[in-house]
Amino acid sequence: MRNIDLTGKTAIVTGGGQGIGLATATSLFEAGANVILNYFPDAEGNNATIAQTACEALGDRCLALPADVRDPEQLASMCSEITARFGGIDILVNNAGILRDRSFKKMSHSEWSDVIDTNLTGVFNCCKAVVDSLNEGASIINVASLSAVTGFFGQANYASAKAGVITFTKVLSKELARQNIRVNAVAPGVVDTEMGKSIPEDNRQAMIKMVPLGRFAEPREIGDVVLFLASDLSSYVTGQTIHINGGWWA
C-alpha cells in the first residue's frame, strides 16, 4: 500500500486558519509538507491570532502569513517571503471565500462584487502570484461548491463565482499541463464548519434530507480529498472537479 508522503513539499492554503482551510492544512502538514496558512489581514487582528494559534498547534513546519487575495501586491509579497524561506512552491489550495447571501432583487452591487472579487478573482490572483514559483509537478486545488451546479436560492453571487472557479480550473489545467502542473477543484456540499453550523436548524434539517448519506461533511473529509489531489497518487488527474456532497444532487 502506498502512503502519501509530502516531505520537502511546500503548500499554501488561502483562508487557512479555520474550517475547511485548516482541516486541509492539517492533512497536508501530517503528510510532511511545509504549510503556509494564509489569512485575511483584518484591522482587529483576529484572523492573525486564529491563524498563528493554528500554526503553533501544528508545529514548526507551519507559517501564518497575511495577504488579501483581492490584492495582487500583497500576494506577491507573501510569495516572495515563502520562496525566500522554503524555495519553490509545490501546492496551492485556493480556499479563501466569503458569503453575502441575498435574493437577487435585494442583492446590492457591492454584495455581488465583494463575493466575485474574493471567490473568483481571488483565485485568479493567487494563481497569477505563484505560477512562476511553482515547481515542476506542482498541484493547484481550487475550492468550488455544490452551489456552483445547483444554484441555491439567494446565492446568485456565490454560485456564479464558484461556477467560474470550476471553468477556470479546466482552462488552467490545459494551459499549465506542459509544465506538468495539475489543476483540479473540489466542490463540497454543506460542511460542519462554523459557517455551516450558522445555518438555522430548520434549514439544516431540510438540507440533510437531501443528502443520501444522511449527514453533512466533516471539514477533514474535504481536506483529505485535497490531500489526494496534492499527491502523486493523482498524477494523471487534472482539469477535474471532485464533488464531495454525500450524494446530494437535487
C-alpha atoms as a PDB file:
ATOM      1  CA  MET A   1       0.000   0.000   0.000  1.00  0.00           C
ATOM      2  CA  ARG A   2       1.369   3.432  -0.969  1.00  0.00           C
ATOM      3  CA  ASN A   3       1.380   6.157   1.636  1.00  0.00           C
ATOM      4  CA  ILE A   4       1.158   9.850   0.843  1.00  0.00           C
ATOM      5  CA  ASP A   5       4.487  11.483   1.656  1.00  0.00           C
ATOM      6  CA  LEU A   6       4.813  15.221   1.049  1.00  0.00           C
ATOM      7  CA  THR A   7       8.090  15.631   2.910  1.00  0.00           C
ATOM      8  CA  GLY A   8      10.011  18.575   1.482  1.00  0.00           C
ATOM      9  CA  LYS A   9       6.973  19.954  -0.343  1.00  0.00           C
ATOM     10  CA  THR A  10       5.631  23.440   0.359  1.00  0.00           C
ATOM     11  CA  ALA A  11       1.901  24.165   0.385  1.00  0.00           C
ATOM     12  CA  ILE A  12      -0.090  27.393   0.590  1.00  0.00           C
ATOM     13  CA  VAL A  13      -3.670  27.250   1.861  1.00  0.00           C
ATOM     14  CA  THR A  14      -5.588  30.504   1.497  1.00  0.00           C
ATOM     15  CA  GLY A  15      -8.123  31.163   4.225  1.00  0.00           C
ATOM     16  CA  GLY A  16      -6.191  28.529   6.119  1.00  0.00           C
ATOM     17  CA  GLY A  17      -6.830  29.496   9.720  1.00  0.00           C
ATOM     18  CA  GLN A  18     -10.109  27.699  10.255  1.00  0.00           C
ATOM     19  CA  GLY A  19     -12.805  25.488   8.745  1.00  0.00           C
ATOM     20  CA  ILE A  20     -12.029  23.650   5.514  1.00  0.00           C
ATOM     21  CA  GLY A  21      -8.779  25.585   5.151  1.00  0.00           C
ATOM     22  CA  LEU A  22      -7.394  24.480   8.498  1.00  0.00           C
ATOM     23  CA  ALA A  23      -8.559  20.895   8.006  1.00  0.00           C
ATOM     24  CA  THR A  24      -6.812  20.850   4.627  1.00  0.00           C
ATOM     25  CA  ALA A  25      -3.660  22.397   6.063  1.00  0.00           C
ATOM     26  CA  THR A  26      -3.657  19.773   8.805  1.00  0.00           C
ATOM     27  CA  SER A  27      -3.927  16.922   6.284  1.00  0.00           C
ATOM     28  CA  LEU A  28      -1.051  18.350   4.237  1.00  0.00           C
ATOM     29  CA  PHE A  29       1.071  19.015   7.330  1.00  0.00           C
ATOM     30  CA  GLU A  30       0.573  15.495   8.685  1.00  0.00           C
ATOM     31  CA  ALA A  31       1.726  14.147   5.315  1.00  0.00           C
ATOM     32  CA  GLY A  32       5.012  16.006   5.799  1.00  0.00           C
ATOM     33  CA  ALA A  33       4.533  19.267   3.893  1.00  0.00           C
ATOM     34  CA  ASN A  34       5.657  22.709   4.940  1.00  0.00           C
ATOM     35  CA  VAL A  35       2.354  24.584   5.214  1.00  0.00           C
ATOM     36  CA  ILE A  36       1.623  28.298   4.905  1.00  0.00           C
ATOM     37  CA  LEU A  37      -1.687  29.372   6.424  1.00  0.00           C
ATOM     38  CA  ASN A  38      -2.723  32.488   4.546  1.00  0.00           C
ATOM     39  CA  TYR A  39      -5.243  34.726   6.289  1.00  0.00           C
ATOM     40  CA  PHE A  40      -7.074  37.966   5.558  1.00  0.00           C
ATOM     41  CA  PRO A  41      -5.380  40.841   7.428  1.00  0.00           C
ATOM     42  CA  ASP A  42      -8.379  42.285   9.286  1.00  0.00           C
ATOM     43  CA  ALA A  43      -7.894  45.542  11.163  1.00  0.00           C
ATOM     44  CA  GLU A  44      -8.692  43.980  14.537  1.00  0.00           C
ATOM     45  CA  GLY A  45      -6.047  41.268  14.151  1.00  0.00           C
ATOM     46  CA  ASN A  46      -8.491  38.470  14.932  1.00  0.00           C
ATOM     47  CA  ASN A  47      -7.606  36.449  11.838  1.00  0.00           C
ATOM     48  CA  ALA A  48      -3.894  36.732  12.627  1.00  0.00           C
ATOM     49  CA  THR A  49      -4.471  35.385  16.136  1.00  0.00           C
ATOM     50  CA  ILE A  50      -6.549  32.482  14.815  1.00  0.00           C
ATOM     51  CA  ALA A  51      -4.012  31.547  12.128  1.00  0.00           C
ATOM     52  CA  GLN A  52      -0.986  31.895  14.390  1.00  0.00           C
ATOM     53  CA  THR A  53      -2.655  29.778  17.086  1.00  0.00           C
ATOM     54  CA  ALA A  54      -3.412  27.121  14.480  1.00  0.00           C
ATOM     55  CA  CYS A  55       0.217  27.177  13.310  1.00  0.00           C
ATOM     56  CA  GLU A  56       1.527  26.775  16.835  1.00  0.00           C
ATOM     57  CA  ALA A  57      -0.749  23.775  17.302  1.00  0.00           C
ATOM     58  CA  LEU A  58       0.623  22.127  14.162  1.00  0.00           C
ATOM     59  CA  GLY A  59       4.355  22.742  14.583  1.00  0.00           C
ATOM     60  CA  ASP A  60       7.449  24.415  13.200  1.00  0.00           C
ATOM     61  CA  ARG A  61       6.795  23.495   9.559  1.00  0.00           C
ATOM     62  CA  CYS A  62       3.769  25.817   9.626  1.00  0.00           C
ATOM     63  CA  LEU A  63       3.845  29.543   8.939  1.00  0.00           C
ATOM     64  CA  ALA A  64       0.949  32.043   9.113  1.00  0.00           C
ATOM     65  CA  LEU A  65       1.144  34.873   6.559  1.00  0.00           C
ATOM     66  CA  PRO A  66      -1.309  37.689   5.797  1.00  0.00           C
ATOM     67  CA  ALA A  67      -2.485  38.637   2.311  1.00  0.00           C
ATOM     68  CA  ASP A  68      -5.816  39.780   0.939  1.00  0.00           C
ATOM     69  CA  VAL A  69      -6.492  37.528  -2.065  1.00  0.00           C
ATOM     70  CA  ARG A  70      -8.066  40.527  -3.801  1.00  0.00           C
ATOM     71  CA  ASP A  71      -4.744  42.398  -3.697  1.00  0.00           C
ATOM     72  CA  PRO A  72      -2.039  41.234  -6.151  1.00  0.00           C
ATOM     73  CA  GLU A  73       0.674  43.275  -4.396  1.00  0.00           C
ATOM     74  CA  GLN A  74       0.001  41.652  -1.023  1.00  0.00           C
ATOM     75  CA  LEU A  75       0.042  38.223  -2.661  1.00  0.00           C
ATOM     76  CA  ALA A  76       3.332  38.966  -4.427  1.00  0.00           C
ATOM     77  CA  SER A  77       4.874  39.992  -1.107  1.00  0.00           C
ATOM     78  CA  MET A  78       3.624  36.816   0.557  1.00  0.00           C
ATOM     79  CA  CYS A  79       5.007  34.627  -2.229  1.00  0.00           C
ATOM     80  CA  SER A  80       8.385  36.353  -2.047  1.00  0.00           C
ATOM     81  CA  GLU A  81       8.592  35.566   1.658  1.00  0.00           C
ATOM     82  CA  ILE A  82       7.615  31.943   1.052  1.00  0.00           C
ATOM     83  CA  THR A  83      10.172  31.360  -1.710  1.00  0.00           C
ATOM     84  CA  ALA A  84      12.889  33.049   0.324  1.00  0.00           C
ATOM     85  CA  ARG A  85      12.228  30.698   3.215  1.00  0.00           C
ATOM     86  CA  PHE A  86      11.236  27.438   1.538  1.00  0.00           C
ATOM     87  CA  GLY A  87      12.252  27.735  -2.119  1.00  0.00           C
ATOM     88  CA  GLY A  88       9.685  26.877  -4.766  1.00  0.00           C
ATOM     89  CA  ILE A  89       6.006  26.149  -4.181  1.00  0.00           C
ATOM     90  CA  ASP A  90       4.511  22.703  -4.769  1.00  0.00           C
ATOM     91  CA  ILE A  91       0.863  23.005  -3.710  1.00  0.00           C
ATOM     92  CA  LEU A  92      -1.619  25.873  -3.815  1.00  0.00           C
ATOM     93  CA  VAL A  93      -5.056  25.421  -2.276  1.00  0.00           C
ATOM     94  CA  ASN A  94      -7.403  28.286  -3.145  1.00  0.00           C
ATOM     95  CA  ASN A  95      -9.854  28.060  -0.272  1.00  0.00           C
ATOM     96  CA  ALA A  96     -10.475  31.692   0.774  1.00  0.00           C
ATOM     97  CA  GLY A  97     -14.091  32.705   0.294  1.00  0.00           C
ATOM     98  CA  ILE A  98     -16.970  34.728   1.668  1.00  0.00           C
ATOM     99  CA  LEU A  99     -20.771  34.618   1.647  1.00  0.00           C
ATOM    100  CA  ARG A 100     -23.110  37.553   1.106  1.00  0.00           C
ATOM    101  CA  ASP A 101     -26.389  35.674   0.593  1.00  0.00           C
ATOM    102  CA  ARG A 102     -29.444  37.632  -0.506  1.00  0.00           C
ATOM    103  CA  SER A 103     -32.169  37.198  -3.103  1.00  0.00           C
ATOM    104  CA  PHE A 104     -31.375  38.754  -6.477  1.00  0.00           C
ATOM    105  CA  LYS A 105     -33.896  41.594  -6.120  1.00  0.00           C
ATOM    106  CA  LYS A 106     -32.443  42.602  -2.744  1.00  0.00           C
ATOM    107  CA  MET A 107     -28.777  41.971  -3.548  1.00  0.00           C
ATOM    108  CA  SER A 108     -26.695  45.131  -3.741  1.00  0.00           C
ATOM    109  CA  HIS A 109     -23.981  45.735  -6.305  1.00  0.00           C
ATOM    110  CA  SER A 110     -21.385  45.627  -3.524  1.00  0.00           C
ATOM    111  CA  GLU A 111     -22.693  42.259  -2.282  1.00  0.00           C
ATOM    112  CA  TRP A 112     -22.291  40.933  -5.804  1.00  0.00           C
ATOM    113  CA  SER A 113     -18.830  42.380  -6.407  1.00  0.00           C
ATOM    114  CA  ASP A 114     -17.458  41.505  -2.944  1.00  0.00           C
ATOM    115  CA  VAL A 115     -18.181  37.816  -3.482  1.00  0.00           C
ATOM    116  CA  ILE A 116     -16.971  37.750  -7.090  1.00  0.00           C
ATOM    117  CA  ASP A 117     -13.797  39.654  -6.186  1.00  0.00           C
ATOM    118  CA  THR A 118     -12.905  37.283  -3.336  1.00  0.00           C
ATOM    119  CA  ASN A 119     -14.205  33.921  -4.510  1.00  0.00           C
ATOM    120  CA  LEU A 120     -13.363  34.097  -8.214  1.00  0.00           C
ATOM    121  CA  THR A 121     -10.928  36.929  -8.917  1.00  0.00           C
ATOM    122  CA  GLY A 122      -9.079  35.926  -5.741  1.00  0.00           C
ATOM    123  CA  VAL A 123      -8.406  32.501  -7.254  1.00  0.00           C
ATOM    124  CA  PHE A 124      -7.051  34.132 -10.415  1.00  0.00           C
ATOM    125  CA  ASN A 125      -4.878  36.467  -8.340  1.00  0.00           C
ATOM    126  CA  CYS A 126      -3.401  33.659  -6.248  1.00  0.00           C
ATOM    127  CA  CYS A 127      -2.617  31.503  -9.266  1.00  0.00           C
ATOM    128  CA  LYS A 128      -1.061  34.505 -11.009  1.00  0.00           C
ATOM    129  CA  ALA A 129       1.073  35.276  -7.948  1.00  0.00           C
ATOM    130  CA  VAL A 130       2.540  31.786  -7.591  1.00  0.00           C
ATOM    131  CA  VAL A 131       2.707  30.465 -11.154  1.00  0.00           C
ATOM    132  CA  ASP A 132       6.328  31.461 -11.768  1.00  0.00           C
ATOM    133  CA  SER A 133       7.372  29.949  -8.421  1.00  0.00           C
ATOM    134  CA  LEU A 134       5.673  26.575  -8.915  1.00  0.00           C
ATOM    135  CA  ASN A 135       7.963  23.580  -9.095  1.00  0.00           C
ATOM    136  CA  GLU A 136       7.529  21.084 -11.905  1.00  0.00           C
ATOM    137  CA  GLY A 137       4.854  18.594 -10.917  1.00  0.00           C
ATOM    138  CA  ALA A 138       3.086  21.115  -8.681  1.00  0.00           C
ATOM    139  CA  SER A 139      -0.623  20.895  -7.928  1.00  0.00           C
ATOM    140  CA  ILE A 140      -3.277  23.604  -7.677  1.00  0.00           C
ATOM    141  CA  ILE A 141      -6.553  22.753  -5.986  1.00  0.00           C
ATOM    142  CA  ASN A 142      -9.434  25.220  -6.120  1.00  0.00           C
ATOM    143  CA  VAL A 143     -12.347  25.010  -3.687  1.00  0.00           C
ATOM    144  CA  ALA A 144     -15.649  25.340  -5.556  1.00  0.00           C
ATOM    145  CA  SER A 145     -19.071  24.388  -4.182  1.00  0.00           C
ATOM    146  CA  LEU A 146     -22.204  22.325  -4.713  1.00  0.00           C
ATOM    147  CA  SER A 147     -23.895  25.705  -5.198  1.00  0.00           C
ATOM    148  CA  ALA A 148     -21.992  26.082  -8.474  1.00  0.00           C
ATOM    149  CA  VAL A 149     -24.011  23.277 -10.053  1.00  0.00           C
ATOM    150  CA  THR A 150     -27.326  23.541  -8.182  1.00  0.00           C
ATOM    151  CA  GLY A 151     -27.697  27.302  -7.849  1.00  0.00           C
ATOM    152  CA  PHE A 152     -29.089  27.698  -4.342  1.00  0.00           C
ATOM    153  CA  PHE A 153     -31.718  30.377  -3.732  1.00  0.00           C
ATOM    154  CA  GLY A 154     -30.138  33.619  -2.553  1.00  0.00           C
ATOM    155  CA  GLN A 155     -26.689  32.761  -3.909  1.00  0.00           C
ATOM    156  CA  ALA A 156     -26.573  34.376  -7.339  1.00  0.00           C
ATOM    157  CA  ASN A 157     -23.210  35.889  -6.427  1.00  0.00           C
ATOM    158  CA  TYR A 158     -21.697  32.864  -4.679  1.00  0.00           C
ATOM    159  CA  ALA A 159     -22.975  30.275  -7.183  1.00  0.00           C
ATOM    160  CA  SER A 160     -21.730  32.352 -10.119  1.00  0.00           C
ATOM    161  CA  ALA A 161     -18.298  32.774  -8.547  1.00  0.00           C
ATOM    162  CA  LYS A 162     -17.936  29.080  -7.775  1.00  0.00           C
ATOM    163  CA  ALA A 163     -19.154  28.060 -11.232  1.00  0.00           C
ATOM    164  CA  GLY A 164     -16.461  30.359 -12.601  1.00  0.00           C
ATOM    165  CA  VAL A 165     -13.895  28.593 -10.422  1.00  0.00           C
ATOM    166  CA  ILE A 166     -14.828  25.243 -11.979  1.00  0.00           C
ATOM    167  CA  THR A 167     -14.431  26.564 -15.533  1.00  0.00           C
ATOM    168  CA  PHE A 168     -11.241  28.458 -14.658  1.00  0.00           C
ATOM    169  CA  THR A 169      -9.869  25.165 -13.318  1.00  0.00           C
ATOM    170  CA  LYS A 170     -10.499  23.457 -16.656  1.00  0.00           C
ATOM    171  CA  VAL A 171      -8.807  26.217 -18.649  1.00  0.00           C
ATOM    172  CA  LEU A 172      -5.775  26.495 -16.368  1.00  0.00           C
ATOM    173  CA  SER A 173      -5.276  22.729 -16.367  1.00  0.00           C
ATOM    174  CA  LYS A 174      -4.808  22.863 -20.140  1.00  0.00           C
ATOM    175  CA  GLU A 175      -2.506  25.878 -20.090  1.00  0.00           C
ATOM    176  CA  LEU A 176      -0.195  24.549 -17.357  1.00  0.00           C
ATOM    177  CA  ALA A 177      -0.104  20.904 -18.449  1.00  0.00           C
ATOM    178  CA  ARG A 178       3.087  21.333 -20.477  1.00  0.00           C
ATOM    179  CA  GLN A 179       4.830  22.277 -17.222  1.00  0.00           C
ATOM    180  CA  ASN A 180       3.423  19.143 -15.607  1.00  0.00           C
ATOM    181  CA  ILE A 181       1.360  21.283 -13.237  1.00  0.00           C
ATOM    182  CA  ARG A 182      -2.012  19.795 -12.422  1.00  0.00           C
ATOM    183  CA  VAL A 183      -5.090  21.921 -11.656  1.00  0.00           C
ATOM    184  CA  ASN A 184      -8.217  20.435 -10.077  1.00  0.00           C
ATOM    185  CA  ALA A 185     -11.154  21.539  -7.968  1.00  0.00           C
ATOM    186  CA  VAL A 186     -13.251  20.143  -5.147  1.00  0.00           C
ATOM    187  CA  ALA A 187     -16.914  21.053  -4.773  1.00  0.00           C
ATOM    188  CA  PRO A 188     -18.113  20.445  -1.207  1.00  0.00           C
ATOM    189  CA  GLY A 189     -21.728  20.308  -0.152  1.00  0.00           C
ATOM    190  CA  VAL A 190     -22.650  21.596   3.291  1.00  0.00           C
ATOM    191  CA  VAL A 191     -19.749  21.139   5.707  1.00  0.00           C
ATOM    192  CA  ASP A 192     -19.906  21.281   9.518  1.00  0.00           C
ATOM    193  CA  THR A 193     -17.732  24.361   9.822  1.00  0.00           C
ATOM    194  CA  GLU A 194     -18.706  27.451  11.813  1.00  0.00           C
ATOM    195  CA  MET A 195     -20.318  28.738   8.622  1.00  0.00           C
ATOM    196  CA  GLY A 196     -22.293  25.532   8.169  1.00  0.00           C
ATOM    197  CA  LYS A 197     -23.365  25.495  11.786  1.00  0.00           C
ATOM    198  CA  SER A 198     -24.690  29.048  11.449  1.00  0.00           C
ATOM    199  CA  ILE A 199     -27.467  27.814   9.146  1.00  0.00           C
ATOM    200  CA  PRO A 200     -30.823  27.885  11.015  1.00  0.00           C
ATOM    201  CA  GLU A 201     -31.657  24.455  12.399  1.00  0.00           C
ATOM    202  CA  ASP A 202     -34.882  24.089  10.396  1.00  0.00           C
ATOM    203  CA  ASN A 203     -32.920  24.717   7.201  1.00  0.00           C
ATOM    204  CA  ARG A 204     -30.191  22.312   8.280  1.00  0.00           C
ATOM    205  CA  GLN A 205     -32.699  19.523   8.804  1.00  0.00           C
ATOM    206  CA  ALA A 206     -34.290  20.172   5.404  1.00  0.00           C
ATOM    207  CA  MET A 207     -30.851  20.069   3.785  1.00  0.00           C
ATOM    208  CA  ILE A 208     -29.862  16.829   5.494  1.00  0.00           C
ATOM    209  CA  LYS A 209     -32.927  15.171   3.957  1.00  0.00           C
ATOM    210  CA  MET A 210     -31.394  15.933   0.542  1.00  0.00           C
ATOM    211  CA  VAL A 211     -28.192  14.045   1.380  1.00  0.00           C
ATOM    212  CA  PRO A 212     -28.359  10.275   0.769  1.00  0.00           C
ATOM    213  CA  LEU A 213     -25.613   9.687   3.357  1.00  0.00           C
ATOM    214  CA  GLY A 214     -27.819  11.482   5.883  1.00  0.00           C
ATOM    215  CA  ARG A 215     -25.269  13.935   7.305  1.00  0.00           C
ATOM    216  CA  PHE A 216     -23.099  16.912   6.455  1.00  0.00           C
ATOM    217  CA  ALA A 217     -19.390  16.565   5.741  1.00  0.00           C
ATOM    218  CA  GLU A 218     -16.705  16.990   8.359  1.00  0.00           C
ATOM    219  CA  PRO A 219     -14.014  19.502   7.331  1.00  0.00           C
ATOM    220  CA  ARG A 220     -11.357  16.777   7.373  1.00  0.00           C
ATOM    221  CA  GLU A 221     -13.291  14.828   4.735  1.00  0.00           C
ATOM    222  CA  ILE A 222     -12.751  17.727   2.342  1.00  0.00           C
ATOM    223  CA  GLY A 223      -9.129  18.148   3.402  1.00  0.00           C
ATOM    224  CA  ASP A 224      -8.323  14.512   2.723  1.00  0.00           C
ATOM    225  CA  VAL A 225      -9.616  14.713  -0.853  1.00  0.00           C
ATOM    226  CA  VAL A 226      -7.453  17.799  -1.357  1.00  0.00           C
ATOM    227  CA  LEU A 227      -4.540  15.782   0.050  1.00  0.00           C
ATOM    228  CA  PHE A 228      -5.132  13.108  -2.594  1.00  0.00           C
ATOM    229  CA  LEU A 229      -5.174  15.737  -5.359  1.00  0.00           C
ATOM    230  CA  ALA A 230      -1.964  17.270  -3.993  1.00  0.00           C
ATOM    231  CA  SER A 231      -0.148  13.933  -4.021  1.00  0.00           C
ATOM    232  CA  ASP A 232       1.360  11.798  -6.767  1.00  0.00           C
ATOM    233  CA  LEU A 233      -1.476   9.299  -6.248  1.00  0.00           C
ATOM    234  CA  SER A 234      -3.449  11.630  -8.535  1.00  0.00           C
ATOM    235  CA  SER A 235      -0.611  12.198 -11.007  1.00  0.00           C
ATOM    236  CA  TYR A 236      -2.899  11.620 -14.040  1.00  0.00           C
ATOM    237  CA  VAL A 237      -5.798  13.696 -12.706  1.00  0.00           C
ATOM    238  CA  THR A 238      -6.140  17.266 -13.972  1.00  0.00           C
ATOM    239  CA  GLY A 239      -8.944  19.576 -15.050  1.00  0.00           C
ATOM    240  CA  GLN A 240     -11.402  17.715 -12.838  1.00  0.00           C
ATOM    241  CA  THR A 241     -13.893  18.755 -10.172  1.00  0.00           C
ATOM    242  CA  ILE A 242     -14.450  16.208  -7.426  1.00  0.00           C
ATOM    243  CA  HIS A 243     -17.876  16.605  -5.838  1.00  0.00           C
ATOM    244  CA  ILE A 244     -17.892  15.899  -2.101  1.00  0.00           C
ATOM    245  CA  ASN A 245     -21.533  16.153  -1.171  1.00  0.00           C
ATOM    246  CA  GLY A 246     -22.722  12.833   0.257  1.00  0.00           C
ATOM    247  CA  GLY A 247     -24.707  12.195  -2.915  1.00  0.00           C
ATOM    248  CA  TRP A 248     -26.736  15.434  -2.861  1.00  0.00           C
ATOM    249  CA  TRP A 249     -27.649  16.244  -6.468  1.00  0.00           C
ATOM    250  CA  ALA A 250     -31.059  17.937  -6.103  1.00  0.00           C
END
